[in-house]
Amino acid sequence: MRRSRAAAALIAGALVISPALAQGSAAPDGDPVAGRKIAAGICQSCHGMNGIAQQPDMPTIAGSDATYLVRQLDAYRTGERKNEMMSAVAPMLDDRKMADAAAYYASIRVTAEPP
């Protein structure tokens, strides 16, 4: 009987934890309002205020996952990823500014229409 209670407790614990694991790490706690100001000052010339790329060799980031954006910004900041423009811009952003800018661009709603 003890084993079945222990097993039941283990299974119950796994059921509580598994949704969190399935979702991956939590999104950064950024402020989209503060992020809009950062976007207006740093990001918009390439990525646009609306997150739609302004240059053909720049990515559109509107609606992108905030966690993904922060990871990429950090990779540019640390030199793990290299790009002439982003390698110069990312070091200007501390963790808070990265989270805020990511929250702003992630908050932009994107719709798609099939052809």
PDB file of N, CA and C in Angstrom:
ATOM      1  N   MET A   1       0.823  -1.192   0.000  1.00  0.00           N
ATOM      2  CA  MET A   1       0.000   0.000   0.000  1.00  0.00           C
ATOM      3  C   MET A   1       0.865   1.253   0.000  1.00  0.00           C
ATOM      4  N   ARG A   2       1.973   1.200   0.713  1.00  0.00           N
ATOM      5  CA  ARG A   2       2.858   2.364   0.722  1.00  0.00           C
ATOM      6  C   ARG A   2       3.383   2.675  -0.663  1.00  0.00           C
ATOM      7  N   ARG A   3       3.733   1.634  -1.388  1.00  0.00           N
ATOM      8  CA  ARG A   3       4.250   1.867  -2.732  1.00  0.00           C
ATOM      9  C   ARG A   3       3.214   2.539  -3.613  1.00  0.00           C
ATOM     10  N   SER A   4       1.990   2.121  -3.505  1.00  0.00           N
ATOM     11  CA  SER A   4       0.977   2.708  -4.368  1.00  0.00           C
ATOM     12  C   SER A   4       0.735   4.173  -4.011  1.00  0.00           C
ATOM     13  N   ARG A   5       0.815   4.528  -2.737  1.00  0.00           N
ATOM     14  CA  ARG A   5       0.677   5.938  -2.367  1.00  0.00           C
ATOM     15  C   ARG A   5       1.857   6.750  -2.867  1.00  0.00           C
ATOM     16  N   ALA A   6       3.058   6.183  -2.721  1.00  0.00           N
ATOM     17  CA  ALA A   6       4.253   6.877  -3.203  1.00  0.00           C
ATOM     18  C   ALA A   6       4.200   7.027  -4.714  1.00  0.00           C
ATOM     19  N   ALA A   7       3.771   5.970  -5.388  1.00  0.00           N
ATOM     20  CA  ALA A   7       3.669   6.034  -6.847  1.00  0.00           C
ATOM     21  C   ALA A   7       2.631   7.065  -7.269  1.00  0.00           C
ATOM     22  N   ALA A   8       1.500   7.080  -6.556  1.00  0.00           N
ATOM     23  CA  ALA A   8       0.458   8.050  -6.874  1.00  0.00           C
ATOM     24  C   ALA A   8       0.955   9.470  -6.661  1.00  0.00           C
ATOM     25  N   ALA A   9       1.709   9.690  -5.589  1.00  0.00           N
ATOM     26  CA  ALA A   9       2.260  11.019  -5.327  1.00  0.00           C
ATOM     27  C   ALA A   9       3.256  11.412  -6.407  1.00  0.00           C
ATOM     28  N   LEU A  10       4.062  10.460  -6.841  1.00  0.00           N
ATOM     29  CA  LEU A  10       5.040  10.725  -7.895  1.00  0.00           C
ATOM     30  C   LEU A  10       4.350  11.074  -9.204  1.00  0.00           C
ATOM     31  N   ILE A  11       3.322  10.321  -9.541  1.00  0.00           N
ATOM     32  CA  ILE A  11       2.572  10.586 -10.770  1.00  0.00           C
ATOM     33  C   ILE A  11       1.875  11.943 -10.685  1.00  0.00           C
ATOM     34  N   ALA A  12       1.273  12.241  -9.550  1.00  0.00           N
ATOM     35  CA  ALA A  12       0.607  13.538  -9.391  1.00  0.00           C
ATOM     36  C   ALA A  12       1.598  14.678  -9.539  1.00  0.00           C
ATOM     37  N   GLY A  13       2.778  14.513  -8.961  1.00  0.00           N
ATOM     38  CA  GLY A  13       3.813  15.536  -9.099  1.00  0.00           C
ATOM     39  C   GLY A  13       4.249  15.709 -10.536  1.00  0.00           C
ATOM     40  N   ALA A  14       4.377  14.596 -11.258  1.00  0.00           N
ATOM     41  CA  ALA A  14       4.774  14.662 -12.662  1.00  0.00           C
ATOM     42  C   ALA A  14       3.720  15.359 -13.500  1.00  0.00           C
ATOM     43  N   LEU A  15       2.456  15.131 -13.185  1.00  0.00           N
ATOM     44  CA  LEU A  15       1.387  15.786 -13.935  1.00  0.00           C
ATOM     45  C   LEU A  15       1.378  17.291 -13.724  1.00  0.00           C
ATOM     46  N   VAL A  16       1.765  17.722 -12.538  1.00  0.00           N
ATOM     47  CA  VAL A  16       1.826  19.159 -12.254  1.00  0.00           C
ATOM     48  C   VAL A  16       3.016  19.783 -12.955  1.00  0.00           C
ATOM     49  N   ILE A  17       4.144  19.088 -12.973  1.00  0.00           N
ATOM     50  CA  ILE A  17       5.368  19.630 -13.543  1.00  0.00           C
ATOM     51  C   ILE A  17       5.382  19.556 -15.064  1.00  0.00           C
ATOM     52  N   SER A  18       4.839  18.505 -15.659  1.00  0.00           N
ATOM     53  CA  SER A  18       4.980  18.302 -17.089  1.00  0.00           C
ATOM     54  C   SER A  18       4.421  19.419 -17.960  1.00  0.00           C
ATOM     55  N   PRO A  19       3.293  20.074 -17.640  1.00  0.00           N
ATOM     56  CA  PRO A  19       2.886  21.195 -18.486  1.00  0.00           C
ATOM     57  C   PRO A  19       3.915  22.326 -18.496  1.00  0.00           C
ATOM     58  N   ALA A  20       4.548  22.574 -17.364  1.00  0.00           N
ATOM     59  CA  ALA A  20       5.573  23.620 -17.313  1.00  0.00           C
ATOM     60  C   ALA A  20       6.764  23.242 -18.188  1.00  0.00           C
ATOM     61  N   LEU A  21       7.139  21.972 -18.174  1.00  0.00           N
ATOM     62  CA  LEU A  21       8.260  21.532 -19.007  1.00  0.00           C
ATOM     63  C   LEU A  21       7.899  21.601 -20.478  1.00  0.00           C
ATOM     64  N   ALA A  22       6.670  21.267 -20.803  1.00  0.00           N
ATOM     65  CA  ALA A  22       6.243  21.291 -22.196  1.00  0.00           C
ATOM     66  C   ALA A  22       6.279  22.699 -22.767  1.00  0.00           C
ATOM     67  N   GLN A  23       6.035  23.695 -21.926  1.00  0.00           N
ATOM     68  CA  GLN A  23       6.018  25.071 -22.391  1.00  0.00           C
ATOM     69  C   GLN A  23       7.409  25.659 -22.520  1.00  0.00           C
ATOM     70  N   GLY A  24       8.402  25.009 -21.982  1.00  0.00           N
ATOM     71  CA  GLY A  24       9.754  25.543 -22.021  1.00  0.00           C
ATOM     72  C   GLY A  24       9.916  26.609 -20.967  1.00  0.00           C
ATOM     73  N   SER A  25      10.959  27.402 -21.095  1.00  0.00           N
ATOM     74  CA  SER A  25      11.187  28.428 -20.093  1.00  0.00           C
ATOM     75  C   SER A  25      10.156  29.537 -20.234  1.00  0.00           C
ATOM     76  N   ALA A  26       9.897  30.190 -19.147  1.00  0.00           N
ATOM     77  CA  ALA A  26       8.907  31.258 -19.142  1.00  0.00           C
ATOM     78  C   ALA A  26       9.384  32.417 -20.008  1.00  0.00           C
ATOM     79  N   ALA A  27       8.430  33.112 -20.581  1.00  0.00           N
ATOM     80  CA  ALA A  27       8.766  34.278 -21.388  1.00  0.00           C
ATOM     81  C   ALA A  27       9.392  35.342 -20.497  1.00  0.00           C
ATOM     82  N   PRO A  28      10.301  36.113 -21.047  1.00  0.00           N
ATOM     83  CA  PRO A  28      10.899  37.177 -20.249  1.00  0.00           C
ATOM     84  C   PRO A  28       9.832  38.161 -19.790  1.00  0.00           C
ATOM     85  N   ASP A  29      10.041  38.719 -18.634  1.00  0.00           N
ATOM     86  CA  ASP A  29       9.067  39.629 -18.045  1.00  0.00           C
ATOM     87  C   ASP A  29       9.337  41.045 -18.538  1.00  0.00           C
ATOM     88  N   GLY A  30       8.995  41.297 -19.773  1.00  0.00           N
ATOM     89  CA  GLY A  30       9.255  42.607 -20.356  1.00  0.00           C
ATOM     90  C   GLY A  30       8.021  43.487 -20.356  1.00  0.00           C
ATOM     91  N   ASP A  31       8.244  44.771 -20.504  1.00  0.00           N
ATOM     92  CA  ASP A  31       7.182  45.771 -20.547  1.00  0.00           C
ATOM     93  C   ASP A  31       7.057  46.281 -21.980  1.00  0.00           C
ATOM     94  N   PRO A  32       5.958  45.936 -22.671  1.00  0.00           N
ATOM     95  CA  PRO A  32       5.807  46.362 -24.056  1.00  0.00           C
ATOM     96  C   PRO A  32       5.793  47.877 -24.249  1.00  0.00           C
ATOM     97  N   VAL A  33       5.288  48.617 -23.250  1.00  0.00           N
ATOM     98  CA  VAL A  33       5.255  50.086 -23.367  1.00  0.00           C
ATOM     99  C   VAL A  33       6.682  50.627 -23.359  1.00  0.00           C
ATOM    100  N   ALA A  34       7.514  50.145 -22.448  1.00  0.00           N
ATOM    101  CA  ALA A  34       8.924  50.552 -22.426  1.00  0.00           C
ATOM    102  C   ALA A  34       9.626  50.052 -23.680  1.00  0.00           C
ATOM    103  N   GLY A  35       9.251  48.866 -24.134  1.00  0.00           N
ATOM    104  CA  GLY A  35       9.851  48.298 -25.341  1.00  0.00           C
ATOM    105  C   GLY A  35       9.565  49.114 -26.582  1.00  0.00           C
ATOM    106  N   ARG A  36       8.381  49.722 -26.632  1.00  0.00           N
ATOM    107  CA  ARG A  36       8.039  50.586 -27.777  1.00  0.00           C
ATOM    108  C   ARG A  36       9.011  51.762 -27.866  1.00  0.00           C
ATOM    109  N   LYS A  37       9.391  52.304 -26.726  1.00  0.00           N
ATOM    110  CA  LYS A  37      10.348  53.416 -26.709  1.00  0.00           C
ATOM    111  C   LYS A  37      11.720  52.960 -27.200  1.00  0.00           C
ATOM    112  N   ILE A  38      12.120  51.764 -26.809  1.00  0.00           N
ATOM    113  CA  ILE A  38      13.400  51.222 -27.270  1.00  0.00           C
ATOM    114  C   ILE A  38      13.341  50.977 -28.766  1.00  0.00           C
ATOM    115  N   ALA A  39      12.231  50.422 -29.226  1.00  0.00           N
ATOM    116  CA  ALA A  39      12.059  50.168 -30.654  1.00  0.00           C
ATOM    117  C   ALA A  39      12.137  51.460 -31.452  1.00  0.00           C
ATOM    118  N   ALA A  40      11.529  52.522 -30.933  1.00  0.00           N
ATOM    119  CA  ALA A  40      11.538  53.808 -31.624  1.00  0.00           C
ATOM    120  C   ALA A  40      12.947  54.379 -31.718  1.00  0.00           C
ATOM    121  N   GLY A  41      13.764  54.088 -30.729  1.00  0.00           N
ATOM    122  CA  GLY A  41      15.107  54.652 -30.714  1.00  0.00           C
ATOM    123  C   GLY A  41      16.167  53.803 -31.390  1.00  0.00           C
ATOM    124  N   ILE A  42      16.019  52.491 -31.346  1.00  0.00           N
ATOM    125  CA  ILE A  42      17.101  51.624 -31.819  1.00  0.00           C
ATOM    126  C   ILE A  42      16.672  50.690 -32.944  1.00  0.00           C
ATOM    127  N   CYS A  43      15.526  50.066 -32.802  1.00  0.00           N
ATOM    128  CA  CYS A  43      15.161  48.934 -33.659  1.00  0.00           C
ATOM    129  C   CYS A  43      14.434  49.310 -34.944  1.00  0.00           C
ATOM    130  N   GLN A  44      13.679  50.389 -34.896  1.00  0.00           N
ATOM    131  CA  GLN A  44      12.761  50.691 -35.987  1.00  0.00           C
ATOM    132  C   GLN A  44      13.401  50.960 -37.332  1.00  0.00           C
ATOM    133  N   SER A  45      14.629  51.416 -37.361  1.00  0.00           N
ATOM    134  CA  SER A  45      15.229  51.726 -38.663  1.00  0.00           C
ATOM    135  C   SER A  45      15.409  50.476 -39.524  1.00  0.00           C
ATOM    136  N   CYS A  46      15.561  49.328 -38.894  1.00  0.00           N
ATOM    137  CA  CYS A  46      15.697  48.074 -39.651  1.00  0.00           C
ATOM    138  C   CYS A  46      14.438  47.210 -39.574  1.00  0.00           C
ATOM    139  N   HIS A  47      13.885  47.105 -38.367  1.00  0.00           N
ATOM    140  CA  HIS A  47      12.757  46.196 -38.149  1.00  0.00           C
ATOM    141  C   HIS A  47      11.410  46.900 -38.191  1.00  0.00           C
ATOM    142  N   GLY A  48      11.394  48.220 -38.246  1.00  0.00           N
ATOM    143  CA  GLY A  48      10.155  48.983 -38.295  1.00  0.00           C
ATOM    144  C   GLY A  48       9.460  49.034 -36.947  1.00  0.00           C
ATOM    145  N   MET A  49       8.700  50.067 -36.732  1.00  0.00           N
ATOM    146  CA  MET A  49       7.929  50.172 -35.488  1.00  0.00           C
ATOM    147  C   MET A  49       6.881  49.073 -35.416  1.00  0.00           C
ATOM    148  N   ASN A  50       6.411  48.637 -36.574  1.00  0.00           N
ATOM    149  CA  ASN A  50       5.395  47.595 -36.606  1.00  0.00           C
ATOM    150  C   ASN A  50       6.005  46.198 -36.714  1.00  0.00           C
ATOM    151  N   GLY A  51       7.331  46.114 -36.660  1.00  0.00           N
ATOM    152  CA  GLY A  51       8.003  44.821 -36.712  1.00  0.00           C
ATOM    153  C   GLY A  51       8.162  44.260 -38.108  1.00  0.00           C
ATOM    154  N   ILE A  52       7.740  45.024 -39.106  1.00  0.00           N
ATOM    155  CA  ILE A  52       7.881  44.594 -40.497  1.00  0.00           C
ATOM    156  C   ILE A  52       9.194  45.166 -41.026  1.00  0.00           C
ATOM    157  N   ALA A  53      10.057  44.286 -41.482  1.00  0.00           N
ATOM    158  CA  ALA A  53      11.398  44.688 -41.910  1.00  0.00           C
ATOM    159  C   ALA A  53      11.352  45.837 -42.905  1.00  0.00           C
ATOM    160  N   GLN A  54      12.244  46.790 -42.714  1.00  0.00           N
ATOM    161  CA  GLN A  54      12.336  47.961 -43.573  1.00  0.00           C
ATOM    162  C   GLN A  54      13.374  47.793 -44.673  1.00  0.00           C
ATOM    163  N   GLN A  55      14.163  46.756 -44.558  1.00  0.00           N
ATOM    164  CA  GLN A  55      15.209  46.463 -45.542  1.00  0.00           C
ATOM    165  C   GLN A  55      15.091  44.993 -45.931  1.00  0.00           C
ATOM    166  N   PRO A  56      15.382  44.653 -47.177  1.00  0.00           N
ATOM    167  CA  PRO A  56      15.172  43.281 -47.626  1.00  0.00           C
ATOM    168  C   PRO A  56      16.037  42.230 -46.916  1.00  0.00           C
ATOM    169  N   ASP A  57      17.171  42.627 -46.369  1.00  0.00           N
ATOM    170  CA  ASP A  57      18.039  41.657 -45.702  1.00  0.00           C
ATOM    171  C   ASP A  57      17.846  41.628 -44.185  1.00  0.00           C
ATOM    172  N   MET A  58      16.788  42.266 -43.693  1.00  0.00           N
ATOM    173  CA  MET A  58      16.479  42.274 -42.260  1.00  0.00           C
ATOM    174  C   MET A  58      15.224  41.443 -42.029  1.00  0.00           C
ATOM    175  N   PRO A  59      15.169  40.735 -40.896  1.00  0.00           N
ATOM    176  CA  PRO A  59      13.973  39.913 -40.644  1.00  0.00           C
ATOM    177  C   PRO A  59      12.806  40.724 -40.096  1.00  0.00           C
ATOM    178  N   THR A  60      11.627  40.276 -40.437  1.00  0.00           N
ATOM    179  CA  THR A  60      10.406  40.778 -39.831  1.00  0.00           C
ATOM    180  C   THR A  60      10.271  40.076 -38.494  1.00  0.00           C
ATOM    181  N   ILE A  61      10.063  40.838 -37.420  1.00  0.00           N
ATOM    182  CA  ILE A  61      10.005  40.238 -36.090  1.00  0.00           C
ATOM    183  C   ILE A  61       8.668  40.450 -35.390  1.00  0.00           C
ATOM    184  N   ALA A  62       7.729  41.089 -36.043  1.00  0.00           N
ATOM    185  CA  ALA A  62       6.403  41.307 -35.444  1.00  0.00           C
ATOM    186  C   ALA A  62       5.790  39.968 -35.069  1.00  0.00           C
ATOM    187  N   GLY A  63       5.273  39.892 -33.854  1.00  0.00           N
ATOM    188  CA  GLY A  63       4.597  38.683 -33.407  1.00  0.00           C
ATOM    189  C   GLY A  63       5.515  37.534 -33.038  1.00  0.00           C
ATOM    190  N   SER A  64       6.821  37.745 -33.107  1.00  0.00           N
ATOM    191  CA  SER A  64       7.763  36.683 -32.731  1.00  0.00           C
ATOM    192  C   SER A  64       7.691  36.420 -31.234  1.00  0.00           C
ATOM    193  N   ASP A  65       8.019  35.207 -30.843  1.00  0.00           N
ATOM    194  CA  ASP A  65       8.014  34.842 -29.439  1.00  0.00           C
ATOM    195  C   ASP A  65       9.051  35.668 -28.674  1.00  0.00           C
ATOM    196  N   ALA A  66       8.654  36.243 -27.548  1.00  0.00           N
ATOM    197  CA  ALA A  66       9.547  37.104 -26.768  1.00  0.00           C
ATOM    198  C   ALA A  66      10.775  36.351 -26.277  1.00  0.00           C
ATOM    199  N   THR A  67      10.593  35.115 -25.838  1.00  0.00           N
ATOM    200  CA  THR A  67      11.732  34.330 -25.363  1.00  0.00           C
ATOM    201  C   THR A  67      12.731  34.111 -26.486  1.00  0.00           C
ATOM    202  N   TYR A  68      12.234  33.809 -27.673  1.00  0.00           N
ATOM    203  CA  TYR A  68      13.108  33.633 -28.840  1.00  0.00           C
ATOM    204  C   TYR A  68      13.874  34.921 -29.132  1.00  0.00           C
ATOM    205  N   LEU A  69      13.171  36.049 -29.131  1.00  0.00           N
ATOM    206  CA  LEU A  69      13.838  37.317 -29.436  1.00  0.00           C
ATOM    207  C   LEU A  69      14.931  37.632 -28.421  1.00  0.00           C
ATOM    208  N   VAL A  70      14.657  37.424 -27.148  1.00  0.00           N
ATOM    209  CA  VAL A  70      15.666  37.681 -26.118  1.00  0.00           C
ATOM    210  C   VAL A  70      16.864  36.761 -26.309  1.00  0.00           C
ATOM    211  N   ARG A  71      16.615  35.497 -26.607  1.00  0.00           N
ATOM    212  CA  ARG A  71      17.730  34.556 -26.827  1.00  0.00           C
ATOM    213  C   ARG A  71      18.604  35.004 -27.993  1.00  0.00           C
ATOM    214  N   GLN A  72      17.978  35.471 -29.062  1.00  0.00           N
ATOM    215  CA  GLN A  72      18.748  35.906 -30.219  1.00  0.00           C
ATOM    216  C   GLN A  72      19.524  37.183 -29.918  1.00  0.00           C
ATOM    217  N   LEU A  73      18.888  38.118 -29.254  1.00  0.00           N
ATOM    218  CA  LEU A  73      19.588  39.351 -28.871  1.00  0.00           C
ATOM    219  C   LEU A  73      20.785  39.051 -27.988  1.00  0.00           C
ATOM    220  N   ASP A  74      20.599  38.144 -27.041  1.00  0.00           N
ATOM    221  CA  ASP A  74      21.700  37.776 -26.149  1.00  0.00           C
ATOM    222  C   ASP A  74      22.812  37.072 -26.926  1.00  0.00           C
ATOM    223  N   ALA A  75      22.448  36.254 -27.894  1.00  0.00           N
ATOM    224  CA  ALA A  75      23.461  35.571 -28.712  1.00  0.00           C
ATOM    225  C   ALA A  75      24.285  36.586 -29.513  1.00  0.00           C
ATOM    226  N   TYR A  76      23.646  37.633 -30.006  1.00  0.00           N
ATOM    227  CA  TYR A  76      24.397  38.696 -30.692  1.00  0.00           C
ATOM    228  C   TYR A  76      25.274  39.457 -29.698  1.00  0.00           C
ATOM    229  N   ARG A  77      24.725  39.717 -28.523  1.00  0.00           N
ATOM    230  CA  ARG A  77      25.468  40.471 -27.506  1.00  0.00           C
ATOM    231  C   ARG A  77      26.722  39.717 -27.064  1.00  0.00           C
ATOM    232  N   THR A  78      26.612  38.396 -26.911  1.00  0.00           N
ATOM    233  CA  THR A  78      27.751  37.602 -26.444  1.00  0.00           C
ATOM    234  C   THR A  78      28.699  37.195 -27.565  1.00  0.00           C
ATOM    235  N   GLY A  79      28.282  37.392 -28.813  1.00  0.00           N
ATOM    236  CA  GLY A  79      29.115  36.997 -29.942  1.00  0.00           C
ATOM    237  C   GLY A  79      28.844  35.584 -30.430  1.00  0.00           C
ATOM    238  N   GLU A  80      27.895  34.894 -29.803  1.00  0.00           N
ATOM    239  CA  GLU A  80      27.535  33.548 -30.256  1.00  0.00           C
ATOM    240  C   GLU A  80      26.985  33.600 -31.677  1.00  0.00           C
ATOM    241  N   ARG A  81      26.182  34.621 -31.969  1.00  0.00           N
ATOM    242  CA  ARG A  81      25.716  34.890 -33.336  1.00  0.00           C
ATOM    243  C   ARG A  81      26.408  36.146 -33.810  1.00  0.00           C
ATOM    244  N   LYS A  82      26.626  36.207 -35.098  1.00  0.00           N
ATOM    245  CA  LYS A  82      27.314  37.369 -35.654  1.00  0.00           C
ATOM    246  C   LYS A  82      26.509  37.954 -36.819  1.00  0.00           C
ATOM    247  N   ASN A  83      26.400  39.253 -36.796  1.00  0.00           N
ATOM    248  CA  ASN A  83      25.789  40.031 -37.855  1.00  0.00           C
ATOM    249  C   ASN A  83      26.329  41.436 -37.678  1.00  0.00           C
ATOM    250  N   GLU A  84      26.778  42.043 -38.733  1.00  0.00           N
ATOM    251  CA  GLU A  84      27.426  43.348 -38.619  1.00  0.00           C
ATOM    252  C   GLU A  84      26.587  44.353 -37.832  1.00  0.00           C
ATOM    253  N   MET A  85      25.316  44.476 -38.169  1.00  0.00           N
ATOM    254  CA  MET A  85      24.458  45.452 -37.501  1.00  0.00           C
ATOM    255  C   MET A  85      24.099  45.002 -36.091  1.00  0.00           C
ATOM    256  N   MET A  86      23.615  43.775 -35.951  1.00  0.00           N
ATOM    257  CA  MET A  86      23.153  43.306 -34.642  1.00  0.00           C
ATOM    258  C   MET A  86      24.298  43.151 -33.644  1.00  0.00           C
ATOM    259  N   SER A  87      25.476  42.817 -34.119  1.00  0.00           N
ATOM    260  CA  SER A  87      26.624  42.703 -33.218  1.00  0.00           C
ATOM    261  C   SER A  87      27.028  44.065 -32.658  1.00  0.00           C
ATOM    262  N   ALA A  88      26.649  45.126 -33.353  1.00  0.00           N
ATOM    263  CA  ALA A  88      26.914  46.482 -32.858  1.00  0.00           C
ATOM    264  C   ALA A  88      25.780  46.976 -31.958  1.00  0.00           C
ATOM    265  N   VAL A  89      24.544  46.594 -32.274  1.00  0.00           N
ATOM    266  CA  VAL A  89      23.383  47.097 -31.545  1.00  0.00           C
ATOM    267  C   VAL A  89      23.153  46.338 -30.236  1.00  0.00           C
ATOM    268  N   ALA A  90      23.212  45.029 -30.274  1.00  0.00           N
ATOM    269  CA  ALA A  90      22.857  44.212 -29.099  1.00  0.00           C
ATOM    270  C   ALA A  90      23.661  44.547 -27.839  1.00  0.00           C
ATOM    271  N   PRO A  91      24.956  44.832 -27.935  1.00  0.00           N
ATOM    272  CA  PRO A  91      25.686  45.179 -26.708  1.00  0.00           C
ATOM    273  C   PRO A  91      25.183  46.456 -26.019  1.00  0.00           C
ATOM    274  N   MET A  92      24.417  47.279 -26.725  1.00  0.00           N
ATOM    275  CA  MET A  92      23.852  48.484 -26.121  1.00  0.00           C
ATOM    276  C   MET A  92      22.642  48.169 -25.254  1.00  0.00           C
ATOM    277  N   LEU A  93      22.128  46.938 -25.348  1.00  0.00           N
ATOM    278  CA  LEU A  93      20.918  46.567 -24.625  1.00  0.00           C
ATOM    279  C   LEU A  93      21.252  45.710 -23.410  1.00  0.00           C
ATOM    280  N   ASP A  94      20.810  46.159 -22.231  1.00  0.00           N
ATOM    281  CA  ASP A  94      20.957  45.310 -21.050  1.00  0.00           C
ATOM    282  C   ASP A  94      19.790  44.315 -21.041  1.00  0.00           C
ATOM    283  N   ASP A  95      19.769  43.428 -20.062  1.00  0.00           N
ATOM    284  CA  ASP A  95      18.728  42.401 -20.002  1.00  0.00           C
ATOM    285  C   ASP A  95      17.325  43.001 -19.972  1.00  0.00           C
ATOM    286  N   ARG A  96      17.140  44.069 -19.216  1.00  0.00           N
ATOM    287  CA  ARG A  96      15.824  44.711 -19.101  1.00  0.00           C
ATOM    288  C   ARG A  96      15.369  45.266 -20.452  1.00  0.00           C
ATOM    289  N   LYS A  97      16.268  45.965 -21.147  1.00  0.00           N
ATOM    290  CA  LYS A  97      15.905  46.539 -22.445  1.00  0.00           C
ATOM    291  C   LYS A  97      15.606  45.452 -23.466  1.00  0.00           C
ATOM    292  N   MET A  98      16.364  44.355 -23.413  1.00  0.00           N
ATOM    293  CA  MET A  98      16.088  43.234 -24.313  1.00  0.00           C
ATOM    294  C   MET A  98      14.694  42.678 -24.057  1.00  0.00           C
ATOM    295  N   ALA A  99      14.366  42.453 -22.791  1.00  0.00           N
ATOM    296  CA  ALA A  99      13.054  41.898 -22.438  1.00  0.00           C
ATOM    297  C   ALA A  99      11.935  42.847 -22.844  1.00  0.00           C
ATOM    298  N   ASP A 100      12.146  44.145 -22.650  1.00  0.00           N
ATOM    299  CA  ASP A 100      11.125  45.129 -23.007  1.00  0.00           C
ATOM    300  C   ASP A 100      10.913  45.188 -24.518  1.00  0.00           C
ATOM    301  N   ALA A 101      11.993  45.273 -25.276  1.00  0.00           N
ATOM    302  CA  ALA A 101      11.868  45.321 -26.742  1.00  0.00           C
ATOM    303  C   ALA A 101      11.219  44.042 -27.259  1.00  0.00           C
ATOM    304  N   ALA A 102      11.626  42.913 -26.710  1.00  0.00           N
ATOM    305  CA  ALA A 102      11.041  41.630 -27.121  1.00  0.00           C
ATOM    306  C   ALA A 102       9.550  41.587 -26.797  1.00  0.00           C
ATOM    307  N   ALA A 103       9.172  42.089 -25.629  1.00  0.00           N
ATOM    308  CA  ALA A 103       7.758  42.110 -25.246  1.00  0.00           C
ATOM    309  C   ALA A 103       6.952  42.995 -26.196  1.00  0.00           C
ATOM    310  N   TYR A 104       7.536  44.106 -26.606  1.00  0.00           N
ATOM    311  CA  TYR A 104       6.835  44.994 -27.537  1.00  0.00           C
ATOM    312  C   TYR A 104       6.601  44.297 -28.871  1.00  0.00           C
ATOM    313  N   TYR A 105       7.659  43.771 -29.472  1.00  0.00           N
ATOM    314  CA  TYR A 105       7.501  43.136 -30.781  1.00  0.00           C
ATOM    315  C   TYR A 105       6.646  41.872 -30.696  1.00  0.00           C
ATOM    316  N   ALA A 106       6.733  41.140 -29.595  1.00  0.00           N
ATOM    317  CA  ALA A 106       5.893  39.947 -29.417  1.00  0.00           C
ATOM    318  C   ALA A 106       4.420  40.312 -29.280  1.00  0.00           C
ATOM    319  N   SER A 107       4.138  41.510 -28.778  1.00  0.00           N
ATOM    320  CA  SER A 107       2.745  41.917 -28.563  1.00  0.00           C
ATOM    321  C   SER A 107       2.045  42.353 -29.847  1.00  0.00           C
ATOM    322  N   ILE A 108       2.776  42.521 -30.913  1.00  0.00           N
ATOM    323  CA  ILE A 108       2.175  42.948 -32.186  1.00  0.00           C
ATOM    324  C   ILE A 108       1.430  41.753 -32.787  1.00  0.00           C
ATOM    325  N   ARG A 109       0.174  41.961 -33.094  1.00  0.00           N
ATOM    326  CA  ARG A 109      -0.632  40.895 -33.687  1.00  0.00           C
ATOM    327  C   ARG A 109      -0.341  40.800 -35.177  1.00  0.00           C
ATOM    328  N   VAL A 110      -0.136  39.575 -35.610  1.00  0.00           N
ATOM    329  CA  VAL A 110       0.146  39.323 -37.010  1.00  0.00           C
ATOM    330  C   VAL A 110      -0.949  38.415 -37.552  1.00  0.00           C
ATOM    331  N   THR A 111      -1.459  38.740 -38.704  1.00  0.00           N
ATOM    332  CA  THR A 111      -2.436  37.883 -39.352  1.00  0.00           C
ATOM    333  C   THR A 111      -1.906  37.447 -40.702  1.00  0.00           C
ATOM    334  N   ALA A 112      -2.389  36.338 -41.167  1.00  0.00           N
ATOM    335  CA  ALA A 112      -1.953  35.833 -42.465  1.00  0.00           C
ATOM    336  C   ALA A 112      -3.183  35.420 -43.260  1.00  0.00           C
ATOM    337  N   GLU A 113      -3.122  35.662 -44.543  1.00  0.00           N
ATOM    338  CA  GLU A 113      -4.199  35.258 -45.426  1.00  0.00           C
ATOM    339  C   GLU A 113      -3.619  34.320 -46.474  1.00  0.00           C
ATOM    340  N   PRO A 114      -4.183  33.148 -46.597  1.00  0.00           N
ATOM    341  CA  PRO A 114      -3.675  32.242 -47.630  1.00  0.00           C
ATOM    342  C   PRO A 114      -3.957  32.806 -49.019  1.00  0.00           C
ATOM    343  N   PRO A 115      -3.143  32.456 -49.969  1.00  0.00           N
ATOM    344  CA  PRO A 115      -3.339  32.995 -51.337  1.00  0.00           C
ATOM    345  C   PRO A 115      -4.647  32.526 -51.959  1.00  0.00           C
TER     346      PRO A 115
END
